Amino acid sequence: MTRKELVVSALENGTVLDHIPADNVYRALDLLNLKNIANQITIGINLNSKAQGRKGIIKIEDKFFEDEELNKLALIAPQATVNVIRDFKVVEKKKLSMPKEVVGIAKCRNPKCVTNHQPIQTRFATIEKDNNISLLCHFCEKSTDIKHAF
């Protein structure tokens, strides 16, 4: 006898971020400023995934994002899917787009960059090459690998 059950409970209203690489779930919480909100959040890490092996999922009750906010997630989880839920039904599925510019959420790995010594908000251009993502600093023009930017 096989039993099918939900590993994570259903959401009445809110947003489901699915197919996040399991090792990037906490980074996703940081990127989307979810750590200190009052909304109920359900987090699943190392869930089985046919496509990824292991994945993460984040469900946020009564939270709906602007596309610009969500696209930050593409930096660490380009294959992630976004489902908007209303009355327990998926009413919209969104694909992420890589932002052209990243402001204030990453840090430059160049120790001499002005952003590491002055109260200046960081600013990067996004560069995609051979399925790798890097950030080009607006101030010192040094490239930072995405893994070292957060």
N, C-alpha and C. Protein backbone atom coordinates (compact mmCIF):
# COMPACT_ATOMS: atom_id res chain seq x y z
N MET A 1 0.84 -1.19 0.00
CA MET A 1 0.00 0.00 0.00
C MET A 1 0.89 1.25 0.00
N THR A 2 0.66 2.13 -0.96
CA THR A 2 1.41 3.38 -1.00
C THR A 2 0.52 4.51 -0.55
N ARG A 3 1.10 5.37 0.23
CA ARG A 3 0.37 6.52 0.74
C ARG A 3 0.93 7.78 0.13
N LYS A 4 0.06 8.65 -0.33
CA LYS A 4 0.49 9.95 -0.82
C LYS A 4 0.02 10.99 0.17
N GLU A 5 0.94 11.86 0.53
CA GLU A 5 0.58 12.92 1.45
C GLU A 5 1.42 14.15 1.13
N LEU A 6 0.88 15.29 1.51
CA LEU A 6 1.61 16.52 1.33
C LEU A 6 2.71 16.60 2.38
N VAL A 7 3.91 16.93 1.94
CA VAL A 7 5.00 17.12 2.88
C VAL A 7 4.86 18.48 3.55
N VAL A 8 4.34 19.45 2.80
CA VAL A 8 4.14 20.80 3.29
C VAL A 8 2.66 21.14 3.13
N SER A 9 2.06 21.73 4.15
CA SER A 9 0.63 21.99 4.11
C SER A 9 0.25 23.01 3.04
N ALA A 10 -1.02 22.96 2.63
CA ALA A 10 -1.54 23.85 1.59
C ALA A 10 -1.62 25.29 2.11
N LEU A 11 -1.56 26.22 1.19
CA LEU A 11 -1.59 27.65 1.51
C LEU A 11 -2.90 28.23 1.00
N GLU A 12 -3.61 28.98 1.84
CA GLU A 12 -4.87 29.58 1.41
C GLU A 12 -4.63 30.78 0.49
N ASN A 13 -3.81 31.72 0.93
CA ASN A 13 -3.48 32.91 0.16
C ASN A 13 -2.01 33.25 0.39
N GLY A 14 -1.31 33.55 -0.69
CA GLY A 14 0.09 33.92 -0.54
C GLY A 14 0.90 33.50 -1.74
N THR A 15 2.20 33.29 -1.51
CA THR A 15 3.14 32.99 -2.58
C THR A 15 3.95 31.75 -2.22
N VAL A 16 4.13 30.89 -3.21
CA VAL A 16 4.97 29.70 -3.05
C VAL A 16 6.18 29.85 -3.97
N LEU A 17 7.35 29.79 -3.39
CA LEU A 17 8.61 29.82 -4.13
C LEU A 17 9.13 28.39 -4.13
N ASP A 18 9.15 27.76 -5.29
CA ASP A 18 9.48 26.33 -5.38
C ASP A 18 10.71 26.14 -6.26
N HIS A 19 11.30 24.98 -6.15
CA HIS A 19 12.47 24.58 -6.95
C HIS A 19 13.68 25.47 -6.68
N ILE A 20 13.84 25.87 -5.44
CA ILE A 20 15.03 26.61 -5.02
C ILE A 20 16.09 25.57 -4.69
N PRO A 21 17.32 25.71 -5.17
CA PRO A 21 18.35 24.76 -4.77
C PRO A 21 18.40 24.69 -3.24
N ALA A 22 18.44 23.49 -2.70
CA ALA A 22 18.35 23.30 -1.25
C ALA A 22 19.37 24.12 -0.47
N ASP A 23 20.57 24.29 -1.02
CA ASP A 23 21.60 25.03 -0.31
C ASP A 23 21.45 26.55 -0.42
N ASN A 24 20.43 27.03 -1.13
CA ASN A 24 20.21 28.46 -1.28
C ASN A 24 18.93 28.96 -0.61
N VAL A 25 18.24 28.13 0.14
CA VAL A 25 16.98 28.55 0.75
C VAL A 25 17.18 29.71 1.72
N TYR A 26 18.20 29.63 2.56
CA TYR A 26 18.43 30.71 3.52
C TYR A 26 18.86 32.00 2.82
N ARG A 27 19.62 31.88 1.75
CA ARG A 27 19.98 33.07 0.95
C ARG A 27 18.72 33.69 0.35
N ALA A 28 17.79 32.85 -0.10
CA ALA A 28 16.54 33.37 -0.66
C ALA A 28 15.76 34.16 0.38
N LEU A 29 15.73 33.68 1.61
CA LEU A 29 15.06 34.42 2.69
C LEU A 29 15.70 35.80 2.88
N ASP A 30 17.03 35.84 2.83
CA ASP A 30 17.74 37.11 2.96
C ASP A 30 17.45 38.04 1.78
N LEU A 31 17.57 37.52 0.56
CA LEU A 31 17.38 38.35 -0.63
C LEU A 31 16.00 38.99 -0.68
N LEU A 32 15.01 38.27 -0.20
CA LEU A 32 13.63 38.76 -0.26
C LEU A 32 13.19 39.42 1.05
N ASN A 33 14.14 39.63 1.97
CA ASN A 33 13.85 40.27 3.26
C ASN A 33 12.70 39.60 4.00
N LEU A 34 12.75 38.29 4.10
CA LEU A 34 11.67 37.53 4.73
C LEU A 34 11.94 37.14 6.17
N LYS A 35 13.13 37.36 6.66
CA LYS A 35 13.48 36.87 7.99
C LYS A 35 12.76 37.57 9.13
N ASN A 36 12.34 38.80 8.93
CA ASN A 36 11.73 39.54 10.03
C ASN A 36 10.29 39.97 9.77
N ILE A 37 9.62 39.33 8.81
CA ILE A 37 8.22 39.70 8.58
C ILE A 37 7.32 38.88 9.51
N ALA A 38 6.13 39.39 9.75
CA ALA A 38 5.21 38.74 10.68
C ALA A 38 4.39 37.63 10.03
N ASN A 39 4.38 37.55 8.71
CA ASN A 39 3.60 36.53 8.01
C ASN A 39 4.11 35.13 8.34
N GLN A 40 3.19 34.18 8.34
CA GLN A 40 3.59 32.78 8.54
C GLN A 40 4.38 32.31 7.33
N ILE A 41 5.52 31.69 7.59
CA ILE A 41 6.38 31.17 6.52
C ILE A 41 6.64 29.70 6.78
N THR A 42 6.44 28.90 5.76
CA THR A 42 6.78 27.48 5.82
C THR A 42 7.97 27.26 4.92
N ILE A 43 9.00 26.62 5.48
CA ILE A 43 10.23 26.39 4.73
C ILE A 43 10.47 24.89 4.66
N GLY A 44 10.75 24.41 3.46
CA GLY A 44 11.13 23.01 3.27
C GLY A 44 12.50 22.96 2.62
N ILE A 45 13.38 22.16 3.18
CA ILE A 45 14.74 22.03 2.64
C ILE A 45 15.03 20.55 2.45
N ASN A 46 15.74 20.25 1.37
CA ASN A 46 16.11 18.87 1.02
C ASN A 46 14.89 18.00 0.72
N LEU A 47 13.89 18.60 0.10
CA LEU A 47 12.72 17.85 -0.35
C LEU A 47 13.08 17.13 -1.65
N ASN A 48 12.48 15.99 -1.89
CA ASN A 48 12.76 15.24 -3.11
C ASN A 48 12.28 16.01 -4.33
N SER A 49 13.09 15.98 -5.38
CA SER A 49 12.76 16.62 -6.64
C SER A 49 13.29 15.75 -7.77
N LYS A 50 12.42 15.43 -8.70
CA LYS A 50 12.85 14.63 -9.85
C LYS A 50 13.88 15.38 -10.69
N ALA A 51 13.69 16.68 -10.86
CA ALA A 51 14.58 17.47 -11.70
C ALA A 51 15.89 17.84 -11.01
N GLN A 52 15.85 18.12 -9.70
CA GLN A 52 17.01 18.64 -9.00
C GLN A 52 17.63 17.66 -8.01
N GLY A 53 16.97 16.57 -7.73
CA GLY A 53 17.44 15.68 -6.67
C GLY A 53 16.90 16.15 -5.33
N ARG A 54 17.43 17.26 -4.86
CA ARG A 54 16.96 17.89 -3.62
C ARG A 54 16.64 19.35 -3.91
N LYS A 55 15.57 19.83 -3.31
CA LYS A 55 15.15 21.21 -3.56
C LYS A 55 14.67 21.85 -2.27
N GLY A 56 14.43 23.14 -2.36
CA GLY A 56 13.84 23.87 -1.26
C GLY A 56 12.56 24.53 -1.72
N ILE A 57 11.71 24.83 -0.75
CA ILE A 57 10.44 25.50 -1.03
C ILE A 57 10.18 26.49 0.11
N ILE A 58 9.62 27.63 -0.24
CA ILE A 58 9.24 28.63 0.75
C ILE A 58 7.80 29.04 0.45
N LYS A 59 6.94 28.94 1.47
CA LYS A 59 5.55 29.37 1.34
C LYS A 59 5.32 30.53 2.30
N ILE A 60 4.84 31.65 1.76
CA ILE A 60 4.63 32.84 2.56
C ILE A 60 3.15 33.20 2.53
N GLU A 61 2.54 33.15 3.69
CA GLU A 61 1.11 33.42 3.80
C GLU A 61 0.84 34.92 3.64
N ASP A 62 -0.18 35.23 2.84
CA ASP A 62 -0.65 36.61 2.64
C ASP A 62 0.44 37.58 2.20
N LYS A 63 1.40 37.09 1.43
CA LYS A 63 2.47 37.95 0.90
C LYS A 63 2.50 37.79 -0.61
N PHE A 64 2.45 38.92 -1.30
CA PHE A 64 2.49 38.94 -2.75
C PHE A 64 3.60 39.88 -3.16
N PHE A 65 4.43 39.46 -4.08
CA PHE A 65 5.63 40.19 -4.46
C PHE A 65 5.47 40.92 -5.79
N GLU A 66 6.20 42.02 -5.91
CA GLU A 66 6.34 42.68 -7.20
C GLU A 66 7.38 41.88 -7.99
N ASP A 67 7.29 41.89 -9.31
CA ASP A 67 8.24 41.15 -10.15
C ASP A 67 9.69 41.56 -9.87
N GLU A 68 9.91 42.85 -9.64
CA GLU A 68 11.26 43.35 -9.38
C GLU A 68 11.85 42.69 -8.12
N GLU A 69 11.03 42.51 -7.10
CA GLU A 69 11.49 41.83 -5.88
C GLU A 69 11.84 40.38 -6.17
N LEU A 70 10.95 39.70 -6.87
CA LEU A 70 11.14 38.28 -7.15
C LEU A 70 12.34 38.00 -8.03
N ASN A 71 12.63 38.90 -8.95
CA ASN A 71 13.72 38.67 -9.88
C ASN A 71 15.08 38.61 -9.20
N LYS A 72 15.18 39.15 -7.99
CA LYS A 72 16.43 39.00 -7.21
C LYS A 72 16.72 37.52 -6.97
N LEU A 73 15.66 36.75 -6.82
CA LEU A 73 15.79 35.32 -6.57
C LEU A 73 16.49 34.61 -7.74
N ALA A 74 16.38 35.15 -8.94
CA ALA A 74 17.01 34.54 -10.11
C ALA A 74 18.53 34.52 -9.98
N LEU A 75 19.09 35.38 -9.15
CA LEU A 75 20.53 35.40 -8.95
C LEU A 75 21.04 34.09 -8.34
N ILE A 76 20.26 33.49 -7.45
CA ILE A 76 20.70 32.28 -6.75
C ILE A 76 19.86 31.05 -7.11
N ALA A 77 18.72 31.27 -7.75
CA ALA A 77 17.83 30.17 -8.10
C ALA A 77 17.13 30.47 -9.42
N PRO A 78 17.88 30.49 -10.53
CA PRO A 78 17.27 30.88 -11.81
C PRO A 78 16.14 29.97 -12.28
N GLN A 79 16.12 28.72 -11.82
CA GLN A 79 15.07 27.77 -12.23
C GLN A 79 13.88 27.76 -11.27
N ALA A 80 13.90 28.60 -10.26
CA ALA A 80 12.81 28.63 -9.28
C ALA A 80 11.50 29.01 -9.96
N THR A 81 10.41 28.49 -9.40
CA THR A 81 9.08 28.85 -9.89
C THR A 81 8.34 29.59 -8.79
N VAL A 82 7.44 30.46 -9.21
CA VAL A 82 6.67 31.27 -8.28
C VAL A 82 5.19 31.03 -8.58
N ASN A 83 4.46 30.60 -7.56
CA ASN A 83 3.03 30.39 -7.69
C ASN A 83 2.29 31.34 -6.75
N VAL A 84 1.36 32.09 -7.30
CA VAL A 84 0.51 32.98 -6.52
C VAL A 84 -0.76 32.20 -6.18
N ILE A 85 -1.08 32.14 -4.90
CA ILE A 85 -2.20 31.34 -4.41
C ILE A 85 -3.30 32.23 -3.86
N ARG A 86 -4.53 31.97 -4.28
CA ARG A 86 -5.72 32.64 -3.71
C ARG A 86 -6.80 31.57 -3.53
N ASP A 87 -7.37 31.51 -2.35
CA ASP A 87 -8.39 30.51 -2.02
C ASP A 87 -7.91 29.10 -2.34
N PHE A 88 -6.70 28.77 -1.94
CA PHE A 88 -6.09 27.45 -2.10
C PHE A 88 -5.83 27.05 -3.56
N LYS A 89 -5.98 27.99 -4.49
CA LYS A 89 -5.76 27.67 -5.91
C LYS A 89 -4.63 28.52 -6.47
N VAL A 90 -3.87 27.92 -7.39
CA VAL A 90 -2.83 28.67 -8.10
C VAL A 90 -3.54 29.55 -9.12
N VAL A 91 -3.43 30.86 -8.95
CA VAL A 91 -4.08 31.79 -9.88
C VAL A 91 -3.08 32.40 -10.86
N GLU A 92 -1.78 32.25 -10.54
CA GLU A 92 -0.77 32.78 -11.45
C GLU A 92 0.54 32.04 -11.22
N LYS A 93 1.22 31.72 -12.32
CA LYS A 93 2.56 31.15 -12.27
C LYS A 93 3.50 32.15 -12.90
N LYS A 94 4.61 32.42 -12.22
CA LYS A 94 5.55 33.42 -12.72
C LYS A 94 6.90 32.76 -12.98
N LYS A 95 7.54 33.23 -14.01
CA LYS A 95 8.93 32.85 -14.31
C LYS A 95 9.81 34.01 -13.86
N LEU A 96 10.98 33.67 -13.39
CA LEU A 96 11.92 34.69 -12.96
C LEU A 96 12.73 35.20 -14.14
N SER A 97 13.10 36.46 -14.09
CA SER A 97 13.99 37.07 -15.07
C SER A 97 15.21 37.59 -14.33
N MET A 98 16.36 37.39 -14.94
CA MET A 98 17.60 37.87 -14.33
C MET A 98 17.59 39.39 -14.32
N PRO A 99 17.79 40.02 -13.15
CA PRO A 99 17.85 41.49 -13.14
C PRO A 99 19.10 41.98 -13.85
N LYS A 100 18.99 43.08 -14.56
CA LYS A 100 20.14 43.65 -15.25
C LYS A 100 21.08 44.34 -14.27
N GLU A 101 20.49 44.84 -13.18
CA GLU A 101 21.27 45.56 -12.18
C GLU A 101 20.87 45.08 -10.78
N VAL A 102 21.84 45.01 -9.89
CA VAL A 102 21.63 44.60 -8.51
C VAL A 102 22.12 45.74 -7.62
N VAL A 103 21.21 46.29 -6.82
CA VAL A 103 21.56 47.45 -5.99
C VAL A 103 21.32 47.14 -4.51
N GLY A 104 22.38 47.31 -3.72
CA GLY A 104 22.25 47.26 -2.27
C GLY A 104 22.09 45.90 -1.62
N ILE A 105 22.15 44.80 -2.37
CA ILE A 105 21.94 43.49 -1.75
C ILE A 105 23.15 42.57 -1.81
N ALA A 106 24.15 42.93 -2.58
CA ALA A 106 25.35 42.11 -2.70
C ALA A 106 26.53 42.95 -2.26
N LYS A 107 27.65 42.28 -1.99
CA LYS A 107 28.84 43.05 -1.63
C LYS A 107 29.98 42.74 -2.59
N CYS A 108 30.80 43.75 -2.79
CA CYS A 108 31.94 43.61 -3.69
C CYS A 108 33.05 42.86 -2.96
N ARG A 109 33.65 41.91 -3.65
CA ARG A 109 34.72 41.14 -3.01
C ARG A 109 36.08 41.81 -3.11
N ASN A 110 36.14 42.94 -3.79
CA ASN A 110 37.39 43.70 -3.87
C ASN A 110 37.58 44.48 -2.56
N PRO A 111 38.59 44.12 -1.76
CA PRO A 111 38.76 44.80 -0.47
C PRO A 111 39.06 46.29 -0.60
N LYS A 112 39.52 46.74 -1.76
CA LYS A 112 39.83 48.15 -1.96
C LYS A 112 38.65 48.96 -2.51
N CYS A 113 37.55 48.29 -2.82
CA CYS A 113 36.38 48.99 -3.38
C CYS A 113 35.83 50.00 -2.37
N VAL A 114 35.45 51.14 -2.87
CA VAL A 114 34.92 52.21 -2.03
C VAL A 114 33.69 51.75 -1.23
N THR A 115 32.93 50.82 -1.76
CA THR A 115 31.73 50.35 -1.06
C THR A 115 32.06 49.57 0.21
N ASN A 116 33.30 49.11 0.33
CA ASN A 116 33.71 48.40 1.53
C ASN A 116 34.32 49.33 2.59
N HIS A 117 34.42 50.62 2.27
CA HIS A 117 35.02 51.57 3.20
C HIS A 117 34.18 52.81 3.46
N GLN A 118 33.19 53.03 2.65
CA GLN A 118 32.33 54.20 2.77
C GLN A 118 30.87 53.75 2.82
N PRO A 119 30.00 54.57 3.41
CA PRO A 119 28.58 54.20 3.44
C PRO A 119 27.90 54.44 2.09
N ILE A 120 28.32 53.65 1.11
CA ILE A 120 27.80 53.77 -0.25
C ILE A 120 27.08 52.47 -0.59
N GLN A 121 25.90 52.59 -1.14
CA GLN A 121 25.14 51.41 -1.54
C GLN A 121 25.81 50.75 -2.75
N THR A 122 25.97 49.43 -2.67
CA THR A 122 26.60 48.72 -3.78
C THR A 122 25.71 48.73 -5.00
N ARG A 123 26.36 48.58 -6.15
CA ARG A 123 25.64 48.59 -7.43
C ARG A 123 26.42 47.73 -8.42
N PHE A 124 25.74 46.76 -9.00
CA PHE A 124 26.38 45.83 -9.91
C PHE A 124 25.57 45.65 -11.17
N ALA A 125 26.26 45.38 -12.27
CA ALA A 125 25.63 44.91 -13.50
C ALA A 125 25.70 43.38 -13.45
N THR A 126 24.67 42.72 -13.92
CA THR A 126 24.62 41.27 -13.92
C THR A 126 25.20 40.75 -15.23
N ILE A 127 26.09 39.77 -15.12
CA ILE A 127 26.72 39.18 -16.30
C ILE A 127 26.45 37.68 -16.29
N GLU A 128 25.83 37.18 -17.37
CA GLU A 128 25.59 35.75 -17.52
C GLU A 128 26.49 35.23 -18.64
N LYS A 129 27.30 34.21 -18.31
CA LYS A 129 28.18 33.64 -19.32
C LYS A 129 28.35 32.16 -19.02
N ASP A 130 28.06 31.32 -20.01
CA ASP A 130 28.22 29.87 -19.88
C ASP A 130 27.49 29.33 -18.64
N ASN A 131 26.26 29.76 -18.42
CA ASN A 131 25.44 29.33 -17.29
C ASN A 131 26.01 29.73 -15.93
N ASN A 132 26.94 30.66 -15.91
CA ASN A 132 27.46 31.21 -14.66
C ASN A 132 27.04 32.67 -14.56
N ILE A 133 26.77 33.09 -13.33
CA ILE A 133 26.34 34.46 -13.09
C ILE A 133 27.41 35.16 -12.26
N SER A 134 27.80 36.34 -12.70
CA SER A 134 28.72 37.16 -11.91
C SER A 134 28.19 38.59 -11.89
N LEU A 135 28.72 39.36 -10.98
CA LEU A 135 28.30 40.74 -10.82
C LEU A 135 29.49 41.66 -11.05
N LEU A 136 29.31 42.68 -11.88
CA LEU A 136 30.35 43.64 -12.20
C LEU A 136 30.09 44.92 -11.40
N CYS A 137 31.03 45.25 -10.53
CA CYS A 137 30.87 46.42 -9.65
C CYS A 137 30.88 47.72 -10.45
N HIS A 138 29.91 48.55 -10.18
CA HIS A 138 29.79 49.86 -10.82
C HIS A 138 30.94 50.79 -10.44
N PHE A 139 31.49 50.62 -9.24
CA PHE A 139 32.49 51.55 -8.71
C PHE A 139 33.93 51.14 -9.04
N CYS A 140 34.28 49.88 -8.81
CA CYS A 140 35.67 49.47 -9.04
C CYS A 140 35.85 48.61 -10.29
N GLU A 141 34.73 48.24 -10.91
CA GLU A 141 34.72 47.45 -12.14
C GLU A 141 35.34 46.06 -11.99
N LYS A 142 35.35 45.55 -10.76
CA LYS A 142 35.81 44.18 -10.52
C LYS A 142 34.61 43.25 -10.57
N SER A 143 34.84 42.05 -11.03
CA SER A 143 33.78 41.05 -11.13
C SER A 143 33.75 40.21 -9.86
N THR A 144 32.55 39.92 -9.38
CA THR A 144 32.36 39.09 -8.19
C THR A 144 31.49 37.90 -8.57
N ASP A 145 31.98 36.71 -8.28
CA ASP A 145 31.21 35.49 -8.50
C ASP A 145 29.98 35.54 -7.59
N ILE A 146 28.86 35.09 -8.08
CA ILE A 146 27.61 35.16 -7.33
C ILE A 146 27.70 34.46 -5.97
N LYS A 147 28.51 33.39 -5.91
CA LYS A 147 28.65 32.65 -4.65
C LYS A 147 29.35 33.47 -3.57
N HIS A 148 30.13 34.47 -3.96
CA HIS A 148 30.84 35.29 -2.99
C HIS A 148 30.18 36.64 -2.76
N ALA A 149 29.07 36.90 -3.40
CA ALA A 149 28.44 38.22 -3.32
C ALA A 149 27.46 38.37 -2.16
N PHE A 150 27.07 37.25 -1.55
CA PHE A 150 26.07 37.33 -0.48
C PHE A 150 26.58 36.72 0.80
